[in-house]
Amino acid sequence: MERQEHQIKLNVLKVDSLQTWDSYISQAHPVIAHFTAAWCMPSVVMTPFFEELASTYPDVIFLVVDVDEVKDVATKLEVKAMPTFVLMKDGNPADKIVGANPDEIRKRVDGFIQSCSSPV
């Protein structure tokens, strides 16, 4: 059981700088970013949900961004409330979800992933 939990956490990458952010979002995979803050309980509560979601989509890059540690990224994407989830394709924001609503987040992420994998 512990091994499986560790595996899930490996699917979520922590962003520690604007350079790290840029390197992750420049890859060819869709990106789902969770903007959080240690002092924001709704964000903290969403962490296990986000990790579980990451384990569902192995071809998607899941990032966690602490807005207090990486203000540049939060400012760049105009994140003003936590938690905020930003869905990115080709390095550009495709959707933004503000608030701790697991059902809505799962629905929007599912639709986003399907749109990314369907031929254009």
Protein backbone atom coordinates (compact mmCIF):
# COMPACT_ATOMS: atom_id res chain seq x y z
CA MET A 1 0.00 0.00 0.00
CA GLU A 2 2.74 2.45 0.92
CA ARG A 3 4.56 1.74 -2.33
CA GLN A 4 1.43 2.58 -4.32
CA GLU A 5 1.01 5.90 -2.48
CA HIS A 6 4.64 6.73 -3.19
CA GLN A 7 4.07 5.94 -6.87
CA ILE A 8 1.12 8.34 -7.02
CA LYS A 9 3.19 11.16 -5.56
CA LEU A 10 5.84 10.61 -8.23
CA ASN A 11 3.24 11.60 -10.84
CA VAL A 12 2.91 15.10 -9.35
CA LEU A 13 5.90 17.37 -9.92
CA LYS A 14 6.66 20.36 -7.71
CA VAL A 15 7.44 23.64 -9.46
CA ASP A 16 10.15 25.58 -7.61
CA SER A 17 10.90 28.38 -10.10
CA LEU A 18 9.70 30.10 -13.25
CA GLN A 19 12.42 28.23 -15.17
CA THR A 20 11.13 24.86 -13.91
CA TRP A 21 7.58 25.89 -14.86
CA ASP A 22 8.68 26.88 -18.37
CA SER A 23 10.55 23.61 -18.88
CA TYR A 24 7.52 21.53 -17.87
CA ILE A 25 4.94 23.42 -19.91
CA SER A 26 7.12 23.45 -23.03
CA GLN A 27 6.85 19.67 -23.32
CA ALA A 28 4.44 18.06 -25.78
CA HIS A 29 2.14 16.71 -23.06
CA PRO A 30 -0.96 18.38 -21.64
CA VAL A 31 -0.30 19.97 -18.23
CA ILE A 32 -2.61 20.25 -15.21
CA ALA A 33 -1.33 22.66 -12.57
CA HIS A 34 -2.62 22.91 -9.00
CA PHE A 35 -1.92 26.35 -7.52
CA THR A 36 -1.90 25.99 -3.76
CA ALA A 37 -0.70 27.54 -0.52
CA ALA A 38 0.23 25.84 2.75
CA TRP A 39 -2.06 28.18 4.70
CA CYS A 40 -5.10 27.52 2.49
CA MET A 41 -7.04 24.57 3.91
CA PRO A 42 -9.18 23.97 0.77
CA SER A 43 -5.93 23.67 -1.23
CA VAL A 44 -4.40 21.28 1.29
CA VAL A 45 -7.57 19.17 1.27
CA MET A 46 -7.41 18.93 -2.56
CA THR A 47 -3.88 17.50 -2.58
CA PRO A 48 -4.85 13.80 -2.21
CA PHE A 49 -7.55 14.25 -4.88
CA PHE A 50 -5.00 15.85 -7.23
CA GLU A 51 -2.51 13.02 -6.63
CA GLU A 52 -5.21 10.45 -7.35
CA LEU A 53 -6.18 12.31 -10.54
CA ALA A 54 -2.51 12.29 -11.60
CA SER A 55 -2.39 8.51 -11.26
CA THR A 56 -5.38 8.26 -13.64
CA TYR A 57 -3.64 10.05 -16.52
CA PRO A 58 -0.04 8.83 -16.95
CA ASP A 59 0.45 10.81 -20.19
CA VAL A 60 -0.37 14.14 -18.57
CA ILE A 61 2.07 16.28 -16.58
CA PHE A 62 0.65 17.20 -13.16
CA LEU A 63 2.30 20.13 -11.43
CA VAL A 64 1.88 21.62 -7.99
CA VAL A 65 2.75 25.30 -7.56
CA ASP A 66 2.93 26.89 -4.12
CA VAL A 67 1.98 30.51 -4.81
CA ASP A 68 4.07 31.78 -1.92
CA GLU A 69 7.20 29.99 -3.17
CA VAL A 70 6.79 30.71 -6.90
CA LYS A 71 4.99 34.06 -7.10
CA ASP A 72 6.25 34.66 -10.66
CA VAL A 73 4.23 31.76 -12.05
CA ALA A 74 1.07 32.66 -10.12
CA THR A 75 1.34 36.27 -11.32
CA LYS A 76 2.01 35.21 -14.92
CA LEU A 77 -1.18 33.11 -14.95
CA GLU A 78 -3.22 35.64 -12.95
CA VAL A 79 -3.94 33.19 -10.13
CA LYS A 80 -5.64 35.17 -7.38
CA ALA A 81 -7.41 32.48 -5.31
CA MET A 82 -6.50 29.06 -4.02
CA PRO A 83 -6.96 26.40 -5.02
CA THR A 84 -6.82 27.17 -8.73
CA PHE A 85 -6.33 24.48 -11.35
CA VAL A 86 -4.96 25.51 -14.74
CA LEU A 87 -5.19 23.15 -17.72
CA MET A 88 -2.52 23.87 -20.30
CA LYS A 89 -1.99 22.72 -23.86
CA ASP A 90 1.03 23.64 -26.01
CA GLY A 91 2.29 25.94 -23.24
CA ASN A 92 -0.91 28.01 -23.13
CA PRO A 93 -3.77 28.00 -20.60
CA ALA A 94 -6.80 26.19 -22.03
CA ASP A 95 -9.01 26.27 -18.93
CA LYS A 96 -8.94 27.55 -15.36
CA ILE A 97 -10.94 26.16 -12.45
CA VAL A 98 -11.07 28.14 -9.20
CA GLY A 99 -12.16 26.42 -6.02
CA ALA A 100 -12.20 23.00 -4.37
CA ASN A 101 -14.85 21.16 -6.37
CA PRO A 102 -13.59 17.63 -7.15
CA ASP A 103 -16.56 16.65 -9.36
CA GLU A 104 -16.25 19.77 -11.52
CA ILE A 105 -12.47 19.45 -11.73
CA ARG A 106 -12.66 15.77 -12.74
CA LYS A 107 -15.31 16.55 -15.39
CA ARG A 108 -13.32 19.44 -16.88
CA VAL A 109 -10.04 17.49 -16.79
CA ASP A 110 -11.70 14.49 -18.51
CA GLY A 111 -13.03 16.75 -21.27
CA PHE A 112 -9.68 18.52 -21.60
CA ILE A 113 -7.72 15.25 -21.88
CA GLN A 114 -10.16 13.93 -24.50
CA SER A 115 -9.82 17.14 -26.52
CA CYS A 116 -6.03 16.86 -26.34
CA SER A 117 -5.97 13.26 -27.53
CA SER A 118 -8.46 13.63 -30.36
CA PRO A 119 -7.00 14.46 -33.78
CA VAL A 120 -7.49 18.06 -34.87
